[in-house]
Amino acid sequence: MSDTTATAPWNNPPQRQKPLRRKRAEKQARQAEHWGRRLEEARQEGPDMVAAVTFDRLRGVLDKLPAADRDRAYEAVVLALEHLRETHAQ
């Protein structure tokens, strides 16, 4: 009688086409390209459009965070805005 445990499907998981870290890196590269393109288009329209695109990106990132991390991120954004205001105040 032959030993079938070595060839059983639960002992041989399917091979992935790409490792997950590579897929994740490719996805992040596509997202960076997308936002870079949107920011470049916004720069051609003016500073208000750049601010709008930047806010859209920030909102998307914040919405994906868990609640505890989101609260800390909001605090970091407020501090960054205060720093910008103080730095560039006339």
Protein backbone atom coordinates (compact mmCIF):
# COMPACT_ATOMS: atom_id res chain seq x y z
CA MET A 1 0.00 0.00 0.00
CA SER A 2 1.36 3.44 -0.90
CA ASP A 3 1.69 6.37 1.48
CA THR A 4 -0.76 9.06 0.29
CA THR A 5 -0.17 11.53 3.10
CA ALA A 6 2.78 13.14 1.29
CA THR A 7 0.69 13.86 -1.81
CA ALA A 8 -2.47 14.91 0.01
CA PRO A 9 -3.69 18.42 -0.93
CA TRP A 10 -3.63 19.64 2.68
CA ASN A 11 0.08 18.80 2.89
CA ASN A 12 0.89 20.59 -0.38
CA PRO A 13 -0.43 24.15 -0.45
CA PRO A 14 -0.66 25.79 -3.87
CA GLN A 15 2.36 27.78 -4.97
CA ARG A 16 1.75 31.53 -5.22
CA GLN A 17 2.43 33.25 -8.51
CA LYS A 18 4.09 36.16 -6.67
CA PRO A 19 5.16 36.44 -3.06
CA LEU A 20 2.79 38.63 -1.04
CA ARG A 21 5.48 41.20 -0.21
CA ARG A 22 6.14 41.68 -3.92
CA LYS A 23 2.43 42.11 -4.64
CA ARG A 24 2.20 44.60 -1.77
CA ALA A 25 5.21 46.53 -3.07
CA GLU A 26 3.73 46.64 -6.57
CA LYS A 27 0.41 47.90 -5.18
CA GLN A 28 2.17 50.63 -3.19
CA ALA A 29 4.13 51.64 -6.30
CA ARG A 30 0.89 51.91 -8.31
CA GLN A 31 -0.71 54.01 -5.56
CA ALA A 32 2.32 56.31 -5.38
CA GLU A 33 2.24 56.75 -9.16
CA HIS A 34 -1.50 57.52 -9.06
CA TRP A 35 -1.14 60.16 -6.34
CA GLY A 36 1.95 61.63 -7.99
CA ARG A 37 0.02 62.02 -11.23
CA ARG A 38 -2.95 63.59 -9.44
CA LEU A 39 -0.69 66.05 -7.60
CA GLU A 40 1.07 67.03 -10.81
CA GLU A 41 -2.27 67.71 -12.50
CA ALA A 42 -3.38 69.70 -9.45
CA ARG A 43 -0.19 71.81 -9.53
CA GLN A 44 -1.10 72.93 -13.02
CA GLU A 45 -4.48 74.16 -11.75
CA GLY A 46 -3.19 76.02 -8.71
CA PRO A 47 -2.51 75.79 -4.97
CA ASP A 48 -6.17 75.32 -3.99
CA MET A 49 -6.40 72.20 -6.12
CA VAL A 50 -3.14 70.86 -4.63
CA ALA A 51 -4.61 71.34 -1.16
CA ALA A 52 -7.81 69.56 -2.19
CA VAL A 53 -5.94 66.55 -3.63
CA THR A 54 -3.69 66.38 -0.57
CA PHE A 55 -6.72 66.46 1.72
CA ASP A 56 -8.38 63.68 -0.32
CA ARG A 57 -5.30 61.51 0.08
CA LEU A 58 -5.05 62.26 3.80
CA ARG A 59 -8.73 61.47 4.33
CA GLY A 60 -8.40 58.15 2.50
CA VAL A 61 -5.42 57.12 4.60
CA LEU A 62 -7.06 58.17 7.87
CA ASP A 63 -10.30 56.34 7.06
CA LYS A 64 -8.41 53.06 6.62
CA LEU A 65 -6.73 53.22 10.03
CA PRO A 66 -8.10 51.50 13.14
CA ALA A 67 -9.82 53.87 15.61
CA ALA A 68 -6.93 54.12 18.10
CA ASP A 69 -4.37 54.76 15.38
CA ARG A 70 -6.73 57.22 13.70
CA ASP A 71 -6.93 59.35 16.85
CA ARG A 72 -3.12 59.53 17.06
CA ALA A 73 -2.91 60.31 13.35
CA TYR A 74 -5.40 63.18 13.70
CA GLU A 75 -3.28 64.61 16.50
CA ALA A 76 -0.16 64.34 14.34
CA VAL A 77 -1.94 66.10 11.45
CA VAL A 78 -3.07 68.93 13.73
CA LEU A 79 0.49 69.35 15.04
CA ALA A 80 1.87 69.39 11.50
CA LEU A 81 -0.66 72.03 10.43
CA GLU A 82 0.16 74.17 13.46
CA HIS A 83 3.85 73.86 12.67
CA LEU A 84 3.21 74.95 9.07
CA ARG A 85 1.11 77.88 10.20
CA GLU A 86 3.77 79.06 12.66
CA THR A 87 6.60 78.55 10.17
CA HIS A 88 4.93 80.43 7.35
CA ALA A 89 3.03 83.07 9.32
CA GLN A 90 3.85 86.60 8.24
